[in-house]
PDB file of N, CA and C in Angstrom:
ATOM      1  N   MET A   1      18.383  -2.310  -7.509  1.00  0.00           N
ATOM      2  CA  MET A   1      18.016  -0.958  -6.535  1.00  0.00           C
ATOM      3  C   MET A   1      16.580  -1.414  -6.736  1.00  0.00           C
ATOM      4  N   ALA A   2      16.237  -0.863  -5.219  1.00  0.00           N
ATOM      5  CA  ALA A   2      14.189  -0.768  -5.124  1.00  0.00           C
ATOM      6  C   ALA A   2      14.130   0.348  -5.782  1.00  0.00           C
ATOM      7  N   LYS A   3      12.717   0.423  -6.183  1.00  0.00           N
ATOM      8  CA  LYS A   3      12.046   1.929  -6.659  1.00  0.00           C
ATOM      9  C   LYS A   3      11.634   2.830  -5.611  1.00  0.00           C
ATOM     10  N   VAL A   4      12.068   3.931  -5.288  1.00  0.00           N
ATOM     11  CA  VAL A   4      11.559   4.568  -4.383  1.00  0.00           C
ATOM     12  C   VAL A   4       9.859   4.305  -3.960  1.00  0.00           C
ATOM     13  N   ASP A   5       9.094   4.163  -5.256  1.00  0.00           N
ATOM     14  CA  ASP A   5       7.766   4.250  -5.025  1.00  0.00           C
ATOM     15  C   ASP A   5       7.566   2.865  -4.059  1.00  0.00           C
ATOM     16  N   ALA A   6       8.102   1.662  -4.338  1.00  0.00           N
ATOM     17  CA  ALA A   6       7.860   0.474  -3.499  1.00  0.00           C
ATOM     18  C   ALA A   6       8.698   0.684  -2.025  1.00  0.00           C
ATOM     19  N   ILE A   7       9.365   1.188  -1.897  1.00  0.00           N
ATOM     20  CA  ILE A   7      10.069   2.065  -0.265  1.00  0.00           C
ATOM     21  C   ILE A   7       9.039   2.333   0.303  1.00  0.00           C
ATOM     22  N   ARG A   8       8.294   3.546  -0.516  1.00  0.00           N
ATOM     23  CA  ARG A   8       7.452   4.201   0.089  1.00  0.00           C
ATOM     24  C   ARG A   8       6.344   3.527   0.651  1.00  0.00           C
ATOM     25  N   LEU A   9       5.983   2.482  -0.146  1.00  0.00           N
ATOM     26  CA  LEU A   9       4.632   1.865  -0.133  1.00  0.00           C
ATOM     27  C   LEU A   9       5.029   0.718   1.061  1.00  0.00           C
ATOM     28  N   SER A  10       6.354   0.164   1.199  1.00  0.00           N
ATOM     29  CA  SER A  10       6.604  -0.965   2.170  1.00  0.00           C
ATOM     30  C   SER A  10       6.621   0.179   3.320  1.00  0.00           C
ATOM     31  N   SER A  11       7.075   1.094   3.349  1.00  0.00           N
ATOM     32  CA  SER A  11       7.160   1.681   4.793  1.00  0.00           C
ATOM     33  C   SER A  11       5.776   2.525   5.261  1.00  0.00           C
ATOM     34  N   GLU A  12       4.900   3.204   4.519  1.00  0.00           N
ATOM     35  CA  GLU A  12       3.631   3.606   4.753  1.00  0.00           C
ATOM     36  C   GLU A  12       2.196   2.151   5.080  1.00  0.00           C
ATOM     37  N   LEU A  13       2.690   0.980   4.389  1.00  0.00           N
ATOM     38  CA  LEU A  13       1.431   0.384   4.856  1.00  0.00           C
ATOM     39  C   LEU A  13       2.527  -1.195   6.030  1.00  0.00           C
ATOM     40  N   GLY A  14       3.622  -0.824   6.018  1.00  0.00           N
ATOM     41  CA  GLY A  14       4.094  -2.073   6.972  1.00  0.00           C
ATOM     42  C   GLY A  14       4.303  -3.491   6.441  1.00  0.00           C
ATOM     43  N   ILE A  15       4.807  -3.458   5.132  1.00  0.00           N
ATOM     44  CA  ILE A  15       4.940  -4.379   4.338  1.00  0.00           C
ATOM     45  C   ILE A  15       6.229  -4.684   4.187  1.00  0.00           C
ATOM     46  N   ASP A  16       6.434  -5.819   3.472  1.00  0.00           N
ATOM     47  CA  ASP A  16       7.809  -6.423   3.241  1.00  0.00           C
ATOM     48  C   ASP A  16       8.246  -5.394   1.835  1.00  0.00           C
ATOM     49  N   LEU A  17       9.249  -5.220   1.342  1.00  0.00           N
ATOM     50  CA  LEU A  17       9.517  -4.362   0.301  1.00  0.00           C
ATOM     51  C   LEU A  17       9.655  -5.474  -0.925  1.00  0.00           C
ATOM     52  N   VAL A  18       9.770  -6.664  -0.763  1.00  0.00           N
ATOM     53  CA  VAL A  18       9.284  -7.445  -2.287  1.00  0.00           C
ATOM     54  C   VAL A  18       7.950  -7.613  -2.350  1.00  0.00           C
ATOM     55  N   GLN A  19       6.862  -7.411  -1.179  1.00  0.00           N
ATOM     56  CA  GLN A  19       5.651  -7.906  -1.479  1.00  0.00           C
ATOM     57  C   GLN A  19       5.433  -6.016  -1.922  1.00  0.00           C
ATOM     58  N   ALA A  20       5.851  -5.131  -1.319  1.00  0.00           N
ATOM     59  CA  ALA A  20       5.164  -3.391  -1.805  1.00  0.00           C
ATOM     60  C   ALA A  20       5.852  -3.331  -3.392  1.00  0.00           C
ATOM     61  N   ALA A  21       6.656  -3.724  -4.198  1.00  0.00           N
ATOM     62  CA  ALA A  21       7.288  -4.333  -5.397  1.00  0.00           C
ATOM     63  C   ALA A  21       6.219  -4.977  -6.034  1.00  0.00           C
ATOM     64  N   LEU A  22       5.787  -6.215  -5.507  1.00  0.00           N
ATOM     65  CA  LEU A  22       5.016  -7.159  -6.549  1.00  0.00           C
ATOM     66  C   LEU A  22       3.346  -6.304  -6.353  1.00  0.00           C
ATOM     67  N   ARG A  23       2.847  -5.663  -5.382  1.00  0.00           N
ATOM     68  CA  ARG A  23       2.074  -5.236  -5.517  1.00  0.00           C
ATOM     69  C   ARG A  23       1.540  -3.863  -6.309  1.00  0.00           C
ATOM     70  N   LEU A  24       2.868  -3.198  -6.505  1.00  0.00           N
ATOM     71  CA  LEU A  24       2.619  -1.909  -7.382  1.00  0.00           C
ATOM     72  C   LEU A  24       2.355  -2.400  -8.816  1.00  0.00           C
ATOM     73  N   ARG A  25       3.078  -3.263  -8.883  1.00  0.00           N
ATOM     74  CA  ARG A  25       3.145  -4.394 -10.380  1.00  0.00           C
ATOM     75  C   ARG A  25       1.733  -4.830 -10.741  1.00  0.00           C
ATOM     76  N   ARG A  26       1.639  -5.714  -9.703  1.00  0.00           N
ATOM     77  CA  ARG A  26       0.323  -6.454  -9.542  1.00  0.00           C
ATOM     78  C   ARG A  26      -1.416  -5.389  -9.646  1.00  0.00           C
ATOM     79  N   GLU A  27      -1.157  -4.414  -9.107  1.00  0.00           N
ATOM     80  CA  GLU A  27      -2.431  -3.787  -9.002  1.00  0.00           C
ATOM     81  C   GLU A  27      -2.292  -2.652  -9.563  1.00  0.00           C
ATOM     82  N   GLY A  28      -1.363  -1.967 -10.527  1.00  0.00           N
ATOM     83  CA  GLY A  28      -1.374  -0.701 -11.597  1.00  0.00           C
ATOM     84  C   GLY A  28      -2.486  -0.912 -12.322  1.00  0.00           C
ATOM     85  N   ALA A  29      -2.929   0.259 -12.697  1.00  0.00           N
ATOM     86  CA  ALA A  29      -3.877   0.306 -13.660  1.00  0.00           C
ATOM     87  C   ALA A  29      -3.004   0.734 -15.252  1.00  0.00           C
ATOM     88  N   PRO A  30      -3.796   0.121 -16.168  1.00  0.00           N
ATOM     89  CA  PRO A  30      -2.769   0.253 -17.442  1.00  0.00           C
ATOM     90  C   PRO A  30      -2.876   1.978 -17.479  1.00  0.00           C
ATOM     91  N   GLY A  31      -1.507   2.588 -17.992  1.00  0.00           N
ATOM     92  CA  GLY A  31      -1.315   4.052 -18.045  1.00  0.00           C
ATOM     93  C   GLY A  31      -1.213   4.806 -16.808  1.00  0.00           C
ATOM     94  N   GLU A  32      -1.467   3.893 -15.425  1.00  0.00           N
ATOM     95  CA  GLU A  32      -1.331   4.771 -14.433  1.00  0.00           C
ATOM     96  C   GLU A  32       0.532   4.086 -14.195  1.00  0.00           C
ATOM     97  N   THR A  33       1.219   5.359 -13.642  1.00  0.00           N
ATOM     98  CA  THR A  33       2.623   5.374 -13.028  1.00  0.00           C
ATOM     99  C   THR A  33       2.653   4.934 -11.696  1.00  0.00           C
ATOM    100  N   ASP A  34       3.795   4.290 -11.474  1.00  0.00           N
ATOM    101  CA  ASP A  34       4.284   3.668 -10.203  1.00  0.00           C
ATOM    102  C   ASP A  34       3.597   4.702  -9.017  1.00  0.00           C
ATOM    103  N   TYR A  35       4.207   5.993  -9.080  1.00  0.00           N
ATOM    104  CA  TYR A  35       3.987   6.938  -8.183  1.00  0.00           C
ATOM    105  C   TYR A  35       2.285   7.147  -8.103  1.00  0.00           C
ATOM    106  N   ASP A  36       1.794   7.347  -9.135  1.00  0.00           N
ATOM    107  CA  ASP A  36       0.133   6.909  -8.789  1.00  0.00           C
ATOM    108  C   ASP A  36      -0.467   5.905  -8.294  1.00  0.00           C
ATOM    109  N   THR A  37      -0.041   4.763  -8.411  1.00  0.00           N
ATOM    110  CA  THR A  37      -0.270   3.635  -8.126  1.00  0.00           C
ATOM    111  C   THR A  37      -0.273   3.396  -6.414  1.00  0.00           C
ATOM    112  N   CYS A  38       0.815   4.030  -6.169  1.00  0.00           N
ATOM    113  CA  CYS A  38       1.801   3.642  -4.786  1.00  0.00           C
ATOM    114  C   CYS A  38       0.489   4.925  -3.817  1.00  0.00           C
ATOM    115  N   LEU A  39       0.443   6.164  -4.312  1.00  0.00           N
ATOM    116  CA  LEU A  39      -0.516   7.093  -3.955  1.00  0.00           C
ATOM    117  C   LEU A  39      -2.392   6.685  -3.498  1.00  0.00           C
ATOM    118  N   ARG A  40      -2.603   5.613  -4.580  1.00  0.00           N
ATOM    119  CA  ARG A  40      -3.842   4.909  -4.897  1.00  0.00           C
ATOM    120  C   ARG A  40      -3.829   4.094  -3.291  1.00  0.00           C
ATOM    121  N   LEU A  41      -2.936   3.170  -3.366  1.00  0.00           N
ATOM    122  CA  LEU A  41      -2.971   1.929  -2.713  1.00  0.00           C
ATOM    123  C   LEU A  41      -2.820   2.544  -1.221  1.00  0.00           C
ATOM    124  N   ILE A  42      -2.134   3.197  -1.095  1.00  0.00           N
ATOM    125  CA  ILE A  42      -1.761   4.419   0.336  1.00  0.00           C
ATOM    126  C   ILE A  42      -3.149   4.441   1.048  1.00  0.00           C
ATOM    127  N   ALA A  43      -3.868   5.269  -0.201  1.00  0.00           N
ATOM    128  CA  ALA A  43      -5.364   6.112   0.175  1.00  0.00           C
ATOM    129  C   ALA A  43      -6.197   4.971   0.632  1.00  0.00           C
ATOM    130  N   ASP A  44      -6.452   3.616  -0.457  1.00  0.00           N
ATOM    131  CA  ASP A  44      -7.419   3.109  -0.315  1.00  0.00           C
ATOM    132  C   ASP A  44      -7.166   2.634   1.049  1.00  0.00           C
ATOM    133  N   GLU A  45      -5.566   1.765   1.638  1.00  0.00           N
ATOM    134  CA  GLU A  45      -5.633   1.029   2.671  1.00  0.00           C
ATOM    135  C   GLU A  45      -6.168   1.999   3.728  1.00  0.00           C
ATOM    136  N   GLY A  46      -6.021   3.595   3.467  1.00  0.00           N
ATOM    137  CA  GLY A  46      -6.366   4.364   4.995  1.00  0.00           C
ATOM    138  C   GLY A  46      -7.866   4.297   4.732  1.00  0.00           C
ATOM    139  N   ARG A  47      -8.577   4.093   3.666  1.00  0.00           N
ATOM    140  CA  ARG A  47      -9.689   4.644   3.789  1.00  0.00           C
ATOM    141  C   ARG A  47     -10.465   2.805   4.548  1.00  0.00           C
ATOM    142  N   ASN A  48      -9.706   1.869   3.978  1.00  0.00           N
ATOM    143  CA  ASN A  48      -9.890   0.505   4.612  1.00  0.00           C
ATOM    144  C   ASN A  48      -9.878   0.360   6.168  1.00  0.00           C
ATOM    145  N   ARG A  49      -9.090   1.014   6.629  1.00  0.00           N
ATOM    146  CA  ARG A  49      -8.600   1.114   8.401  1.00  0.00           C
ATOM    147  C   ARG A  49      -9.525   2.004   8.979  1.00  0.00           C
ATOM    148  N   ARG A  50     -10.313   3.116   8.513  1.00  0.00           N
ATOM    149  CA  ARG A  50     -11.221   4.168   9.184  1.00  0.00           C
ATOM    150  C   ARG A  50     -12.204   3.152   9.231  1.00  0.00           C
ATOM    151  N   ARG A  51     -12.805   2.548   8.227  1.00  0.00           N
ATOM    152  CA  ARG A  51     -13.775   1.724   8.070  1.00  0.00           C
ATOM    153  C   ARG A  51     -14.202   0.616   8.893  1.00  0.00           C
ATOM    154  N   ARG A  52     -13.288   0.031   9.425  1.00  0.00           N
ATOM    155  CA  ARG A  52     -12.988  -1.062   9.904  1.00  0.00           C
ATOM    156  C   ARG A  52     -13.209  -1.005  11.569  1.00  0.00           C
ATOM    157  N   PRO A  53     -14.343  -1.501  12.238  1.00  0.00           N
ATOM    158  CA  PRO A  53     -14.920  -1.237  13.818  1.00  0.00           C
ATOM    159  C   PRO A  53     -13.406  -1.659  14.459  1.00  0.00           C
ATOM    160  N   PRO A  54     -13.089  -0.713  15.625  1.00  0.00           N
ATOM    161  CA  PRO A  54     -11.980  -1.050  16.775  1.00  0.00           C
ATOM    162  C   PRO A  54     -12.286  -2.550  17.198  1.00  0.00           C
ATOM    163  N   GLU A  55     -10.810  -2.675  17.314  1.00  0.00           N
ATOM    164  CA  GLU A  55     -10.844  -4.595  17.748  1.00  0.00           C
ATOM    165  C   GLU A  55     -11.135  -4.162  19.491  1.00  0.00           C
ATOM    166  N   GLN A  56     -11.738  -5.516  19.500  1.00  0.00           N
ATOM    167  CA  GLN A  56     -12.125  -5.369  21.166  1.00  0.00           C
ATOM    168  C   GLN A  56     -11.268  -6.140  21.741  1.00  0.00           C
ATOM    169  N   SER A  57     -10.543  -5.582  22.683  1.00  0.00           N
ATOM    170  CA  SER A  57      -9.414  -6.127  23.294  1.00  0.00           C
ATOM    171  C   SER A  57     -10.036  -7.386  24.585  1.00  0.00           C
ATOM    172  N   GLN A  58      -9.761  -8.280  24.275  1.00  0.00           N
ATOM    173  CA  GLN A  58     -10.256  -9.099  25.588  1.00  0.00           C
ATOM    174  C   GLN A  58      -9.284  -9.337  26.611  1.00  0.00           C
ATOM    175  N   ALA A  59     -10.027  -9.046  28.460  1.00  0.00           N
ATOM    176  CA  ALA A  59      -9.228  -8.513  29.095  1.00  0.00           C
ATOM    177  C   ALA A  59      -9.056  -9.942  30.223  1.00  0.00           C
TER     178      ALA A  59
END
């Protein structure tokens, strides 16, 4: 059964559930819970999306 944090990360970032579970495992800091890792990854992705310039549409 998938972990709730992996499901949430998958939903928020629009990635596959397996990718989300692997990312939680790979990017978790020592002593950090899966929940904390999940929230940090979602926040980091939100910051990265705001920093990117808007994509230019080619008409």
